N, C-alpha and C. Protein backbone atom coordinates (compact mmCIF):
# COMPACT_ATOMS: atom_id res chain seq x y z
N MET A 1 19.73 7.51 15.89
CA MET A 1 18.76 8.00 16.02
C MET A 1 18.39 8.95 14.67
N TYR A 2 19.39 9.43 14.81
CA TYR A 2 19.74 10.32 12.97
C TYR A 2 18.99 9.28 11.93
N PRO A 3 19.34 8.83 12.32
CA PRO A 3 20.15 7.63 10.27
C PRO A 3 18.40 7.19 10.29
N LYS A 4 17.54 7.14 11.58
CA LYS A 4 15.54 6.35 11.22
C LYS A 4 15.38 7.90 10.45
N ASN A 5 15.19 8.72 11.78
CA ASN A 5 14.66 9.90 11.67
C ASN A 5 15.23 10.97 10.17
N ALA A 6 16.05 10.55 9.61
CA ALA A 6 16.34 11.02 8.29
C ALA A 6 15.20 9.85 6.66
N TYR A 7 15.06 9.06 7.47
CA TYR A 7 14.24 7.65 6.88
C TYR A 7 12.80 7.93 7.19
N ASN A 8 12.69 8.22 7.54
CA ASN A 8 11.58 8.72 8.25
C ASN A 8 10.99 10.50 6.87
N GLN A 9 11.97 10.91 7.43
CA GLN A 9 11.74 12.22 6.51
C GLN A 9 12.40 12.09 5.07
N TYR A 10 12.39 11.47 4.06
CA TYR A 10 12.68 10.78 2.85
C TYR A 10 11.19 9.99 2.66
N LYS A 11 11.19 9.42 3.28
CA LYS A 11 9.80 8.67 3.33
C LYS A 11 8.75 9.85 3.13
N ALA A 12 8.12 10.86 3.96
CA ALA A 12 7.28 11.63 4.43
C ALA A 12 7.83 12.60 2.45
N VAL A 13 8.70 13.40 2.44
CA VAL A 13 8.76 13.56 1.15
C VAL A 13 8.89 13.11 0.28
N GLN A 14 8.66 11.54 0.34
CA GLN A 14 8.49 10.51 -1.09
C GLN A 14 6.82 10.72 -1.24
N VAL A 15 5.97 10.92 -0.17
CA VAL A 15 4.40 10.78 0.09
C VAL A 15 4.19 12.35 -0.86
N THR A 16 4.37 13.36 0.01
CA THR A 16 4.41 14.07 -1.08
C THR A 16 4.75 14.28 -2.47
N THR A 17 5.29 14.34 -2.43
CA THR A 17 6.16 14.41 -4.06
C THR A 17 5.72 13.29 -4.84
N THR A 18 4.65 12.59 -4.31
CA THR A 18 4.57 11.47 -5.19
C THR A 18 2.51 11.39 -5.82
N ASP A 19 2.75 11.48 -7.82
CA ASP A 19 0.84 11.89 -7.74
C ASP A 19 -0.15 10.83 -7.29
N ARG A 20 -1.23 10.87 -7.70
CA ARG A 20 -2.33 9.92 -6.77
C ARG A 20 -1.74 8.58 -6.95
N GLY A 21 -1.49 8.62 -8.81
CA GLY A 21 -1.50 7.21 -9.23
C GLY A 21 -0.31 6.28 -8.38
N ARG A 22 0.50 6.81 -8.22
CA ARG A 22 1.48 6.15 -7.64
C ARG A 22 1.54 5.90 -6.06
N LEU A 23 0.58 7.14 -5.92
CA LEU A 23 0.41 7.13 -4.15
C LEU A 23 -0.48 5.65 -4.21
N LEU A 24 -1.72 5.64 -5.61
CA LEU A 24 -2.45 4.52 -5.18
C LEU A 24 -1.38 3.03 -4.75
N LEU A 25 -0.48 3.07 -5.93
CA LEU A 25 0.48 1.87 -6.14
C LEU A 25 0.91 1.51 -4.81
N MET A 26 2.00 2.48 -3.93
CA MET A 26 2.29 2.03 -2.89
C MET A 26 1.00 1.41 -1.73
N MET A 27 -0.01 2.31 -1.73
CA MET A 27 -1.06 2.05 -0.50
C MET A 27 -0.81 0.15 -1.16
N TYR A 28 -1.63 -0.29 -2.24
CA TYR A 28 -1.30 -1.87 -2.41
C TYR A 28 -0.18 -2.36 -2.09
N GLU A 29 0.84 -1.42 -2.35
CA GLU A 29 2.17 -2.72 -1.63
C GLU A 29 2.30 -2.95 -0.63
N GLY A 30 2.05 -1.85 -0.12
CA GLY A 30 2.01 -1.47 1.94
C GLY A 30 0.90 -2.77 1.82
N ALA A 31 -0.17 -2.78 1.67
CA ALA A 31 -1.36 -4.41 2.19
C ALA A 31 -1.01 -5.23 1.87
N ILE A 32 -0.16 -5.40 0.67
CA ILE A 32 0.28 -6.67 0.10
C ILE A 32 1.21 -7.32 1.13
N LYS A 33 2.37 -6.31 1.33
CA LYS A 33 4.11 -6.19 2.28
C LYS A 33 2.30 -7.08 3.40
N PHE A 34 2.40 -5.71 4.70
CA PHE A 34 1.62 -6.25 5.62
C PHE A 34 1.21 -7.88 5.95
N LEU A 35 0.19 -7.64 4.79
CA LEU A 35 -0.66 -9.71 4.51
C LEU A 35 0.08 -10.48 5.02
N ARG A 36 1.47 -10.67 3.93
CA ARG A 36 2.17 -11.24 3.69
C ARG A 36 2.91 -11.63 5.07
N GLN A 37 3.03 -10.40 5.81
CA GLN A 37 3.91 -10.57 7.11
C GLN A 37 3.15 -11.15 8.12
N ALA A 38 1.42 -10.66 7.99
CA ALA A 38 1.16 -11.78 8.96
C ALA A 38 0.71 -12.63 8.63
N LYS A 39 0.06 -13.25 7.64
CA LYS A 39 0.54 -14.77 7.13
C LYS A 39 1.78 -15.48 7.58
N ALA A 40 3.04 -14.92 7.62
CA ALA A 40 4.31 -15.52 7.50
C ALA A 40 3.75 -15.55 9.46
N GLY A 41 3.03 -14.50 10.54
CA GLY A 41 3.57 -14.41 11.69
C GLY A 41 2.73 -15.62 11.67
N LEU A 42 1.47 -16.17 11.27
CA LEU A 42 0.75 -17.14 11.90
C LEU A 42 1.19 -19.06 11.41
N GLU A 43 1.97 -18.49 10.67
CA GLU A 43 3.54 -19.76 9.83
C GLU A 43 4.03 -19.88 11.22
N GLU A 44 4.37 -18.81 11.70
CA GLU A 44 5.41 -19.37 12.64
C GLU A 44 5.07 -18.98 14.37
N GLN A 45 3.53 -19.24 14.25
CA GLN A 45 3.21 -19.46 14.94
C GLN A 45 3.23 -18.33 16.53
N ASP A 46 3.35 -16.73 15.54
CA ASP A 46 3.53 -15.69 16.46
C ASP A 46 2.52 -14.74 16.92
N ILE A 47 1.47 -15.29 16.68
CA ILE A 47 0.04 -13.98 17.19
C ILE A 47 0.23 -13.09 17.18
N ALA A 48 1.34 -12.23 18.21
CA ALA A 48 1.38 -11.29 18.26
C ALA A 48 1.79 -10.37 16.84
N LYS A 49 2.71 -11.15 15.82
CA LYS A 49 3.18 -10.84 14.55
C LYS A 49 2.32 -10.47 13.85
N PHE A 50 1.30 -11.62 13.80
CA PHE A 50 -0.04 -11.71 12.85
C PHE A 50 -1.22 -10.87 13.72
N CYS A 51 -1.49 -10.59 14.24
CA CYS A 51 -2.29 -9.49 14.91
C CYS A 51 -1.57 -8.46 14.41
N ARG A 52 -0.42 -7.39 14.17
CA ARG A 52 0.15 -6.30 14.34
C ARG A 52 -0.13 -5.80 12.49
N PHE A 53 0.56 -7.19 11.98
CA PHE A 53 0.06 -6.67 10.27
C PHE A 53 -1.06 -6.70 9.43
N LEU A 54 -1.97 -7.64 10.04
CA LEU A 54 -3.08 -8.60 9.64
C LEU A 54 -3.96 -6.84 9.83
N CYS A 55 -3.71 -6.16 11.06
CA CYS A 55 -4.41 -4.54 11.21
C CYS A 55 -3.85 -3.84 10.56
N LYS A 56 -2.68 -3.62 10.79
CA LYS A 56 -2.06 -2.63 9.12
C LYS A 56 -2.47 -3.17 7.84
N GLY A 57 -2.73 -4.35 7.37
CA GLY A 57 -3.54 -4.09 5.70
C GLY A 57 -4.66 -4.16 6.41
N GLN A 58 -5.42 -4.63 6.82
CA GLN A 58 -6.19 -3.90 6.72
C GLN A 58 -7.24 -2.76 7.10
N ALA A 59 -6.31 -2.00 7.84
CA ALA A 59 -6.12 -0.35 7.70
C ALA A 59 -5.85 0.12 6.31
N ILE A 60 -4.80 -0.16 5.96
CA ILE A 60 -4.73 0.43 4.56
C ILE A 60 -6.17 -0.12 3.66
N ILE A 61 -6.69 -1.72 3.56
CA ILE A 61 -8.12 -1.86 3.08
C ILE A 61 -9.48 -0.83 3.33
N THR A 62 -9.15 -0.75 4.52
CA THR A 62 -10.18 0.87 4.71
C THR A 62 -10.22 1.73 4.36
N GLU A 63 -8.78 1.89 3.94
CA GLU A 63 -8.39 3.87 3.58
C GLU A 63 -8.54 3.63 1.95
N LEU A 64 -8.85 2.26 0.51
CA LEU A 64 -8.62 2.27 -0.31
C LEU A 64 -10.02 2.01 -0.40
N MET A 65 -10.99 1.41 0.86
CA MET A 65 -12.39 1.90 0.94
C MET A 65 -12.57 3.83 0.56
N ASN A 66 -12.10 3.84 1.83
CA ASN A 66 -13.03 4.83 2.32
C ASN A 66 -12.84 5.96 1.03
N THR A 67 -11.59 5.99 -0.01
CA THR A 67 -11.27 7.17 -0.88
C THR A 67 -11.59 6.94 -1.83
N LEU A 68 -12.45 5.76 -1.96
CA LEU A 68 -13.54 5.67 -3.61
C LEU A 68 -14.74 6.72 -3.55
N ASP A 69 -14.42 6.98 -4.92
CA ASP A 69 -15.43 8.09 -5.68
C ASP A 69 -16.24 7.29 -6.47
N HIS A 70 -17.93 7.56 -5.50
CA HIS A 70 -19.20 6.51 -5.64
C HIS A 70 -19.82 8.07 -7.33
N GLU A 71 -19.19 8.96 -6.92
CA GLU A 71 -19.66 9.75 -8.06
C GLU A 71 -19.01 9.23 -9.26
N LYS A 72 -18.13 9.79 -9.26
CA LYS A 72 -17.07 9.77 -10.27
C LYS A 72 -16.41 8.29 -11.02
N GLY A 73 -16.55 7.15 -9.99
CA GLY A 73 -16.18 6.10 -10.54
C GLY A 73 -17.53 5.01 -10.48
N GLY A 74 -18.55 5.77 -10.41
CA GLY A 74 -19.73 4.46 -11.20
C GLY A 74 -19.24 2.97 -10.41
N ASP A 75 -19.80 2.37 -11.26
CA ASP A 75 -20.14 0.78 -11.62
C ASP A 75 -18.43 0.26 -10.68
N ILE A 76 -17.62 1.04 -10.99
CA ILE A 76 -16.26 0.55 -10.78
C ILE A 76 -15.94 0.49 -9.35
N ALA A 77 -16.35 2.03 -8.95
CA ALA A 77 -15.74 2.11 -7.38
C ALA A 77 -17.08 1.07 -6.93
N ARG A 78 -18.70 0.93 -7.22
CA ARG A 78 -19.25 0.17 -6.68
C ARG A 78 -18.75 -1.27 -6.00
N ASP A 79 -18.00 -1.87 -7.52
CA ASP A 79 -17.36 -3.29 -7.51
C ASP A 79 -16.05 -3.30 -6.51
N LEU A 80 -15.64 -1.90 -6.82
CA LEU A 80 -14.08 -1.88 -5.55
C LEU A 80 -14.62 -2.21 -4.14
N ASP A 81 -15.86 -1.45 -3.78
CA ASP A 81 -16.33 -1.27 -2.57
C ASP A 81 -17.04 -2.62 -2.23
N ARG A 82 -17.62 -3.41 -3.03
CA ARG A 82 -17.86 -4.45 -2.99
C ARG A 82 -16.48 -5.86 -2.10
N LEU A 83 -15.75 -5.39 -3.34
CA LEU A 83 -14.74 -6.29 -3.34
C LEU A 83 -13.79 -6.17 -1.78
N TYR A 84 -13.67 -4.98 -1.01
CA TYR A 84 -12.44 -4.15 -0.14
C TYR A 84 -13.52 -5.01 1.14
N ASP A 85 -14.64 -4.56 1.25
CA ASP A 85 -15.63 -5.56 2.38
C ASP A 85 -15.30 -6.89 2.47
N PHE A 86 -15.58 -7.42 0.98
CA PHE A 86 -15.91 -8.81 1.50
C PHE A 86 -13.87 -9.07 1.71
N MET A 87 -13.23 -8.31 1.49
CA MET A 87 -11.45 -8.82 1.45
C MET A 87 -11.89 -8.42 3.51
N LEU A 88 -12.39 -7.36 3.90
CA LEU A 88 -12.39 -7.14 5.35
C LEU A 88 -12.74 -8.72 5.83
N PHE A 89 -14.03 -8.17 5.58
CA PHE A 89 -14.66 -9.69 6.21
C PHE A 89 -14.06 -11.07 6.32
N TYR A 90 -13.15 -10.87 5.01
CA TYR A 90 -12.73 -11.80 4.50
C TYR A 90 -10.87 -12.43 5.95
N LEU A 91 -10.55 -11.44 6.23
CA LEU A 91 -9.32 -11.29 7.02
C LEU A 91 -10.41 -11.60 7.90
N THR A 92 -11.19 -10.72 8.97
CA THR A 92 -11.40 -11.10 9.94
C THR A 92 -11.90 -12.62 10.36
N GLU A 93 -12.37 -13.35 9.43
CA GLU A 93 -12.43 -14.85 8.94
C GLU A 93 -11.87 -15.43 9.72
N ALA A 94 -9.89 -14.88 8.91
CA ALA A 94 -8.79 -15.82 9.26
C ALA A 94 -8.43 -15.20 10.64
N ASN A 95 -8.94 -14.54 10.60
CA ASN A 95 -8.16 -13.38 12.14
C ASN A 95 -9.08 -14.34 13.37
N LEU A 96 -10.00 -15.00 12.89
CA LEU A 96 -11.12 -15.48 13.78
C LEU A 96 -10.49 -17.62 14.69
N HIS A 97 -10.42 -17.78 13.09
CA HIS A 97 -9.75 -19.46 12.50
C HIS A 97 -8.40 -19.20 12.57
N ARG A 98 -7.63 -18.36 13.01
CA ARG A 98 -6.22 -18.25 12.11
C ARG A 98 -5.78 -19.00 11.09
N ASP A 99 -6.23 -18.55 9.92
CA ASP A 99 -6.20 -19.17 9.19
C ASP A 99 -5.60 -18.47 7.66
N ALA A 100 -4.39 -19.10 7.83
CA ALA A 100 -3.40 -18.36 7.10
C ALA A 100 -3.69 -17.89 5.32
N LYS A 101 -4.51 -19.56 4.33
CA LYS A 101 -5.16 -19.79 3.30
C LYS A 101 -6.13 -17.97 2.92
N LYS A 102 -6.74 -17.98 4.27
CA LYS A 102 -8.16 -16.41 4.07
C LYS A 102 -7.05 -15.17 3.68
N VAL A 103 -5.99 -15.48 4.19
CA VAL A 103 -4.56 -14.29 4.05
C VAL A 103 -4.54 -14.37 3.06
N GLU A 104 -4.29 -15.43 2.99
CA GLU A 104 -3.36 -15.63 1.21
C GLU A 104 -4.01 -15.18 -0.39
N LYS A 105 -5.98 -15.28 0.39
CA LYS A 105 -6.79 -15.28 -0.91
C LYS A 105 -6.56 -14.05 -0.91
N VAL A 106 -6.44 -13.38 -0.39
CA VAL A 106 -6.68 -11.72 -0.02
C VAL A 106 -5.66 -10.91 -0.81
N VAL A 107 -4.88 -11.29 -0.50
CA VAL A 107 -3.57 -10.75 -1.07
C VAL A 107 -3.29 -11.66 -2.14
N GLU A 108 -4.23 -12.47 -2.92
CA GLU A 108 -4.02 -12.77 -4.19
C GLU A 108 -4.82 -12.10 -5.38
N LEU A 109 -6.03 -11.38 -4.02
CA LEU A 109 -7.31 -10.59 -4.64
C LEU A 109 -6.41 -8.90 -4.53
N LEU A 110 -5.47 -8.87 -3.83
CA LEU A 110 -4.61 -8.17 -3.99
C LEU A 110 -3.72 -6.96 -4.79
N ASN A 111 -3.66 -8.91 -5.42
CA ASN A 111 -2.50 -8.68 -6.47
C ASN A 111 -3.11 -8.49 -7.77
N THR A 112 -3.65 -8.85 -7.86
CA THR A 112 -4.79 -8.70 -9.23
C THR A 112 -5.31 -7.54 -9.59
N ILE A 113 -5.79 -6.99 -8.45
CA ILE A 113 -5.67 -5.13 -8.79
C ILE A 113 -5.34 -4.47 -9.03
N TYR A 114 -3.96 -5.17 -7.90
CA TYR A 114 -2.30 -3.68 -8.07
C TYR A 114 -2.27 -4.05 -9.92
N SER A 115 -1.94 -4.88 -10.05
CA SER A 115 -1.34 -5.31 -11.42
C SER A 115 -2.35 -4.38 -12.63
N ALA A 116 -3.33 -4.79 -12.15
CA ALA A 116 -4.19 -3.90 -13.04
C ALA A 116 -4.16 -2.47 -12.85
N TYR A 117 -3.93 -2.10 -12.03
CA TYR A 117 -3.82 -0.39 -12.01
C TYR A 117 -2.09 -0.02 -12.24
N ARG A 118 -1.06 -1.17 -11.94
CA ARG A 118 -0.28 -0.37 -12.19
C ARG A 118 -0.28 -0.87 -13.64
N GLU A 119 -0.66 -1.90 -13.94
CA GLU A 119 -0.17 -1.53 -15.53
C GLU A 119 -0.63 -0.22 -16.56
N ILE A 120 -1.93 0.51 -15.99
CA ILE A 120 -3.03 1.43 -15.83
C ILE A 120 -2.07 2.56 -15.65
N ILE A 121 -1.37 2.72 -14.38
CA ILE A 121 -1.12 3.89 -14.26
C ILE A 121 0.83 4.22 -14.94
N LEU A 122 0.87 3.16 -14.93
CA LEU A 122 2.56 3.25 -15.68
C LEU A 122 2.89 3.25 -17.52
N GLU A 123 1.25 3.15 -17.87
CA GLU A 123 1.54 3.36 -19.19
C GLU A 123 1.40 5.09 -19.54
N ARG A 124 1.11 5.45 -18.29
CA ARG A 124 1.28 7.42 -18.80
C ARG A 124 2.50 7.94 -20.04
N PRO A 125 2.30 9.15 -19.93
CA PRO A 125 3.27 9.91 -21.36
C PRO A 125 4.78 9.76 -20.92
N THR A 126 5.74 9.29 -20.91
CA THR A 126 7.15 9.33 -21.09
C THR A 126 7.33 10.38 -20.45
N ALA A 127 7.02 11.59 -20.59
CA ALA A 127 7.68 13.57 -20.56
C ALA A 127 6.39 13.26 -18.92
N GLU A 128 5.56 13.03 -18.56
CA GLU A 128 5.12 13.33 -17.29
C GLU A 128 5.61 11.98 -16.35
N LEU A 129 6.28 11.40 -16.77
CA LEU A 129 7.14 9.41 -15.94
C LEU A 129 8.32 10.71 -15.55
N GLU A 130 9.21 11.04 -16.60
CA GLU A 130 10.04 11.57 -16.45
C GLU A 130 10.38 12.98 -15.45
N ALA A 131 8.73 13.59 -15.38
CA ALA A 131 8.86 14.79 -14.58
C ALA A 131 8.40 14.41 -13.12
N GLU A 132 7.92 13.06 -12.96
CA GLU A 132 7.64 13.18 -11.51
C GLU A 132 8.87 12.51 -11.30
N GLU A 133 9.56 11.85 -11.73
CA GLU A 133 10.94 10.98 -11.36
C GLU A 133 12.06 12.35 -11.01
N ALA A 134 11.84 12.81 -11.68
CA ALA A 134 12.56 14.71 -11.78
C ALA A 134 12.47 15.56 -9.73
N ALA A 135 10.75 14.87 -10.03
CA ALA A 135 10.23 15.76 -8.45
C ALA A 135 11.17 15.37 -7.75
N GLN A 136 10.84 13.74 -7.64
CA GLN A 136 11.05 12.51 -6.11
C GLN A 136 13.06 12.57 -6.25
N LYS A 137 13.33 12.93 -6.98
CA LYS A 137 14.93 13.29 -7.04
C LYS A 137 15.05 14.24 -6.09
N ALA A 138 14.38 15.61 -6.57
CA ALA A 138 14.45 16.91 -6.01
C ALA A 138 14.56 17.35 -4.75
N GLY A 139 13.29 16.07 -4.06
CA GLY A 139 12.90 15.66 -3.24
C GLY A 139 13.82 15.21 -2.17
N GLN A 140 14.43 14.14 -2.61
CA GLN A 140 15.59 13.65 -1.89
C GLN A 140 17.03 13.82 -1.99
N GLN A 141 17.31 14.70 -2.45
CA GLN A 141 18.44 15.12 -2.82
C GLN A 141 18.41 16.94 -1.33
N ALA A 142 16.70 17.28 -1.58
CA ALA A 142 16.79 18.06 -0.61
C ALA A 142 16.79 17.41 1.30
N VAL A 143 15.63 16.19 1.52
CA VAL A 143 16.46 15.55 3.09
C VAL A 143 18.10 15.28 2.87
N GLN A 144 18.74 14.70 1.26
CA GLN A 144 20.17 14.46 2.03
C GLN A 144 20.44 15.61 2.23
N LYS A 145 20.48 16.86 1.71
CA LYS A 145 21.03 18.24 1.87
C LYS A 145 20.79 18.51 3.76
N GLY A 146 19.82 19.05 3.91
CA GLY A 146 18.82 19.07 4.80
C GLY A 146 19.71 18.58 5.79
N LEU A 147 19.68 17.17 5.80
CA LEU A 147 20.65 16.53 7.10
C LEU A 147 22.69 16.20 6.96
N GLY A 148 22.82 16.69 5.86
CA GLY A 148 24.23 16.42 5.82
C GLY A 148 24.25 14.86 5.58
N ILE A 149 23.50 13.49 5.53
CA ILE A 149 23.77 12.73 5.24
C ILE A 149 23.39 12.31 3.50
N ALA A 150 24.22 10.93 3.23
CA ALA A 150 24.27 10.69 2.25
C ALA A 150 23.01 9.07 2.43
N LEU A 151 22.20 8.79 1.58
CA LEU A 151 21.60 8.07 1.57
C LEU A 151 21.61 7.01 0.71
């Protein structure tokens, strides 16, 4: 029971000490991971697994869509909104027809956007990245000390 609780606390600290750019990357990574697991569920004929992970992937895409700032984002936000809408529609079709290829197509689209964001976000000045990494390390150490365990 304690190791799982420690892991959950570690993840909570990681999310609360991560900047918005890194958090965005984490969301894309999660959506991609869940949709790959959904696809694997289909390939294994495990419909419960497929549905569980498909829903998680759709939830992240919906959150990405809901957090778009159309005022500041302009055309990019509008285009991303349309793309997310397409992804959700395509995943609904994948669910309806149990089509792993449609899930894979959405994963490819997410990977393309993720790669572009990753390149932009990780090109920030080195000092800023080092400060963020130090904050994350401090958060990890706080969790370790508070729980008296090593992760």
